[in-house]
Amino acid sequence: MAEVPDELIRLERSAEEDRAKLAGLTGDDYDAQLRRWRAASEAVQAAVTAHAGATGASRYELEQAVKRAVRHAQEDPVVE
């Protein structure tokens, strides 16, 4: 698979950050953050689908590469 576009990595990272913010929230705060996370996740899915369609890449493989790229960056202590 070719290199994962930075825009897809940025979108996935943003969605993961929104997901992490759910921890400890309850009630209306939780519901509002859940909506933000879902919107961010939908943006990632739409961008992956569009990129895969435009390049002929496997959508599944592209999505997995994006997730691996974000997880790998988060495991690198120098990145933080």
N, C-alpha and C. Protein backbone atom coordinates (compact mmCIF):
# COMPACT_ATOMS: atom_id res chain seq x y z
N MET A 1 0.85 -1.18 0.00
CA MET A 1 0.00 0.00 0.00
C MET A 1 0.90 1.24 0.00
N ALA A 2 0.47 2.25 -0.73
CA ALA A 2 1.20 3.51 -0.81
C ALA A 2 1.12 4.24 0.54
N GLU A 3 1.88 5.29 0.63
CA GLU A 3 1.90 6.08 1.86
C GLU A 3 0.50 6.63 2.18
N VAL A 4 0.19 6.64 3.45
CA VAL A 4 -1.12 7.14 3.90
C VAL A 4 -1.08 8.67 3.90
N PRO A 5 -2.06 9.30 3.27
CA PRO A 5 -2.09 10.77 3.22
C PRO A 5 -2.17 11.38 4.63
N ASP A 6 -1.44 12.46 4.82
CA ASP A 6 -1.43 13.15 6.11
C ASP A 6 -2.82 13.58 6.55
N GLU A 7 -3.65 13.97 5.60
CA GLU A 7 -5.01 14.43 5.94
C GLU A 7 -5.81 13.31 6.60
N LEU A 8 -5.66 12.08 6.12
CA LEU A 8 -6.38 10.96 6.73
C LEU A 8 -5.86 10.68 8.13
N ILE A 9 -4.57 10.79 8.31
CA ILE A 9 -3.99 10.59 9.64
C ILE A 9 -4.48 11.68 10.58
N ARG A 10 -4.51 12.91 10.12
CA ARG A 10 -4.98 14.02 10.95
C ARG A 10 -6.43 13.80 11.37
N LEU A 11 -7.27 13.39 10.43
CA LEU A 11 -8.68 13.16 10.74
C LEU A 11 -8.85 12.02 11.75
N GLU A 12 -8.11 10.93 11.55
CA GLU A 12 -8.21 9.79 12.48
C GLU A 12 -7.71 10.19 13.87
N ARG A 13 -6.62 10.92 13.92
CA ARG A 13 -6.08 11.36 15.21
C ARG A 13 -7.11 12.23 15.93
N SER A 14 -7.75 13.12 15.21
CA SER A 14 -8.76 13.99 15.79
C SER A 14 -9.93 13.16 16.33
N ALA A 15 -10.37 12.17 15.58
CA ALA A 15 -11.46 11.31 16.03
C ALA A 15 -11.05 10.54 17.29
N GLU A 16 -9.83 10.05 17.34
CA GLU A 16 -9.36 9.33 18.51
C GLU A 16 -9.27 10.25 19.73
N GLU A 17 -8.87 11.48 19.51
CA GLU A 17 -8.82 12.45 20.62
C GLU A 17 -10.23 12.72 21.14
N ASP A 18 -11.19 12.83 20.22
CA ASP A 18 -12.58 13.04 20.65
C ASP A 18 -13.11 11.82 21.41
N ARG A 19 -12.73 10.63 20.97
CA ARG A 19 -13.16 9.41 21.67
C ARG A 19 -12.58 9.38 23.08
N ALA A 20 -11.32 9.74 23.21
CA ALA A 20 -10.65 9.71 24.52
C ALA A 20 -11.29 10.69 25.50
N LYS A 21 -11.84 11.77 24.98
CA LYS A 21 -12.47 12.78 25.85
C LYS A 21 -13.78 12.30 26.47
N LEU A 22 -14.30 11.15 26.01
CA LEU A 22 -15.52 10.59 26.59
C LEU A 22 -15.29 10.08 28.02
N ALA A 23 -14.06 9.71 28.31
CA ALA A 23 -13.75 9.13 29.62
C ALA A 23 -14.13 10.08 30.75
N GLY A 24 -14.91 9.56 31.67
CA GLY A 24 -15.28 10.32 32.85
C GLY A 24 -16.48 11.24 32.68
N LEU A 25 -16.97 11.39 31.46
CA LEU A 25 -18.12 12.27 31.25
C LEU A 25 -19.42 11.52 31.53
N THR A 26 -20.42 12.27 31.91
CA THR A 26 -21.75 11.69 32.11
C THR A 26 -22.80 12.68 31.61
N GLY A 27 -24.01 12.19 31.49
CA GLY A 27 -25.14 13.05 31.17
C GLY A 27 -24.98 13.82 29.88
N ASP A 28 -25.37 15.10 29.93
CA ASP A 28 -25.34 15.95 28.74
C ASP A 28 -23.94 16.14 28.19
N ASP A 29 -22.94 16.23 29.09
CA ASP A 29 -21.56 16.38 28.63
C ASP A 29 -21.13 15.17 27.80
N TYR A 30 -21.50 13.97 28.27
CA TYR A 30 -21.18 12.75 27.55
C TYR A 30 -21.88 12.74 26.19
N ASP A 31 -23.16 13.07 26.19
CA ASP A 31 -23.92 13.06 24.94
C ASP A 31 -23.34 14.03 23.92
N ALA A 32 -22.95 15.21 24.37
CA ALA A 32 -22.38 16.20 23.46
C ALA A 32 -21.04 15.72 22.90
N GLN A 33 -20.21 15.14 23.77
CA GLN A 33 -18.91 14.65 23.31
C GLN A 33 -19.08 13.45 22.39
N LEU A 34 -20.06 12.61 22.67
CA LEU A 34 -20.33 11.46 21.82
C LEU A 34 -20.72 11.92 20.41
N ARG A 35 -21.52 12.98 20.33
CA ARG A 35 -21.88 13.53 19.02
C ARG A 35 -20.64 14.05 18.28
N ARG A 36 -19.74 14.71 19.02
CA ARG A 36 -18.51 15.21 18.38
C ARG A 36 -17.67 14.05 17.87
N TRP A 37 -17.55 12.98 18.69
CA TRP A 37 -16.77 11.82 18.27
C TRP A 37 -17.39 11.16 17.04
N ARG A 38 -18.70 10.99 17.07
CA ARG A 38 -19.37 10.36 15.92
C ARG A 38 -19.19 11.19 14.65
N ALA A 39 -19.28 12.49 14.76
CA ALA A 39 -19.08 13.35 13.59
C ALA A 39 -17.66 13.23 13.07
N ALA A 40 -16.69 13.20 13.98
CA ALA A 40 -15.30 13.05 13.57
C ALA A 40 -15.07 11.69 12.93
N SER A 41 -15.66 10.65 13.49
CA SER A 41 -15.52 9.30 12.93
C SER A 41 -16.15 9.21 11.54
N GLU A 42 -17.29 9.85 11.38
CA GLU A 42 -17.95 9.87 10.07
C GLU A 42 -17.09 10.60 9.04
N ALA A 43 -16.41 11.66 9.45
CA ALA A 43 -15.53 12.40 8.55
C ALA A 43 -14.36 11.52 8.11
N VAL A 44 -13.82 10.74 9.04
CA VAL A 44 -12.72 9.82 8.70
C VAL A 44 -13.22 8.80 7.68
N GLN A 45 -14.36 8.19 7.95
CA GLN A 45 -14.89 7.17 7.06
C GLN A 45 -15.16 7.73 5.66
N ALA A 46 -15.71 8.91 5.60
CA ALA A 46 -15.99 9.54 4.30
C ALA A 46 -14.70 9.83 3.54
N ALA A 47 -13.69 10.33 4.25
CA ALA A 47 -12.42 10.65 3.60
C ALA A 47 -11.70 9.38 3.13
N VAL A 48 -11.75 8.33 3.92
CA VAL A 48 -11.13 7.06 3.52
C VAL A 48 -11.84 6.52 2.28
N THR A 49 -13.16 6.54 2.30
CA THR A 49 -13.93 6.05 1.16
C THR A 49 -13.62 6.85 -0.10
N ALA A 50 -13.57 8.17 0.03
CA ALA A 50 -13.28 9.03 -1.12
C ALA A 50 -11.87 8.77 -1.66
N HIS A 51 -10.90 8.67 -0.77
CA HIS A 51 -9.52 8.45 -1.21
C HIS A 51 -9.37 7.09 -1.87
N ALA A 52 -9.97 6.08 -1.28
CA ALA A 52 -9.90 4.74 -1.87
C ALA A 52 -10.54 4.73 -3.25
N GLY A 53 -11.68 5.39 -3.38
CA GLY A 53 -12.35 5.45 -4.67
C GLY A 53 -11.53 6.19 -5.71
N ALA A 54 -10.89 7.26 -5.30
CA ALA A 54 -10.10 8.08 -6.23
C ALA A 54 -8.81 7.40 -6.66
N THR A 55 -8.26 6.58 -5.79
CA THR A 55 -6.96 5.96 -6.09
C THR A 55 -7.06 4.50 -6.49
N GLY A 56 -8.23 3.90 -6.29
CA GLY A 56 -8.37 2.48 -6.59
C GLY A 56 -7.82 1.57 -5.49
N ALA A 57 -7.47 2.17 -4.36
CA ALA A 57 -6.94 1.39 -3.23
C ALA A 57 -8.06 0.61 -2.56
N SER A 58 -7.70 -0.45 -1.88
CA SER A 58 -8.67 -1.18 -1.09
C SER A 58 -9.09 -0.30 0.08
N ARG A 59 -10.38 -0.09 0.22
CA ARG A 59 -10.88 0.76 1.30
C ARG A 59 -10.50 0.18 2.65
N TYR A 60 -10.65 -1.12 2.80
CA TYR A 60 -10.32 -1.79 4.06
C TYR A 60 -8.84 -1.63 4.38
N GLU A 61 -7.98 -1.90 3.40
CA GLU A 61 -6.54 -1.80 3.64
C GLU A 61 -6.12 -0.37 3.96
N LEU A 62 -6.73 0.59 3.29
CA LEU A 62 -6.44 1.99 3.56
C LEU A 62 -6.85 2.36 4.98
N GLU A 63 -8.05 1.96 5.38
CA GLU A 63 -8.51 2.27 6.74
C GLU A 63 -7.58 1.65 7.78
N GLN A 64 -7.18 0.42 7.57
CA GLN A 64 -6.28 -0.25 8.52
C GLN A 64 -4.92 0.45 8.56
N ALA A 65 -4.43 0.90 7.42
CA ALA A 65 -3.15 1.62 7.38
C ALA A 65 -3.24 2.94 8.13
N VAL A 66 -4.37 3.62 8.01
CA VAL A 66 -4.57 4.88 8.73
C VAL A 66 -4.56 4.61 10.23
N LYS A 67 -5.29 3.60 10.67
CA LYS A 67 -5.35 3.27 12.09
C LYS A 67 -3.98 2.87 12.62
N ARG A 68 -3.24 2.07 11.85
CA ARG A 68 -1.89 1.68 12.27
C ARG A 68 -0.97 2.90 12.38
N ALA A 69 -1.07 3.80 11.42
CA ALA A 69 -0.22 5.00 11.43
C ALA A 69 -0.49 5.84 12.67
N VAL A 70 -1.75 5.97 13.05
CA VAL A 70 -2.10 6.78 14.22
C VAL A 70 -1.65 6.06 15.50
N ARG A 71 -1.91 4.77 15.58
CA ARG A 71 -1.49 4.02 16.78
C ARG A 71 0.01 4.02 16.93
N HIS A 72 0.74 3.84 15.82
CA HIS A 72 2.20 3.83 15.87
C HIS A 72 2.73 5.16 16.38
N ALA A 73 2.16 6.25 15.90
CA ALA A 73 2.59 7.58 16.32
C ALA A 73 2.32 7.79 17.80
N GLN A 74 1.20 7.26 18.30
CA GLN A 74 0.85 7.44 19.71
C GLN A 74 1.74 6.61 20.62
N GLU A 75 2.29 5.51 20.10
CA GLU A 75 3.17 4.67 20.92
C GLU A 75 4.59 5.22 20.98
N ASP A 76 4.93 6.15 20.11
CA ASP A 76 6.26 6.70 20.06
C ASP A 76 6.37 7.84 21.10
N PRO A 77 7.17 7.65 22.16
CA PRO A 77 7.25 8.67 23.20
C PRO A 77 7.81 10.00 22.72
N VAL A 78 8.54 9.99 21.64
CA VAL A 78 9.10 11.23 21.10
C VAL A 78 8.01 12.10 20.50
N VAL A 79 6.93 11.48 20.01
CA VAL A 79 5.85 12.21 19.36
C VAL A 79 5.10 13.08 20.34
N GLU A 80 4.98 12.66 21.57
CA GLU A 80 4.16 13.38 22.55
C GLU A 80 4.80 14.63 23.03
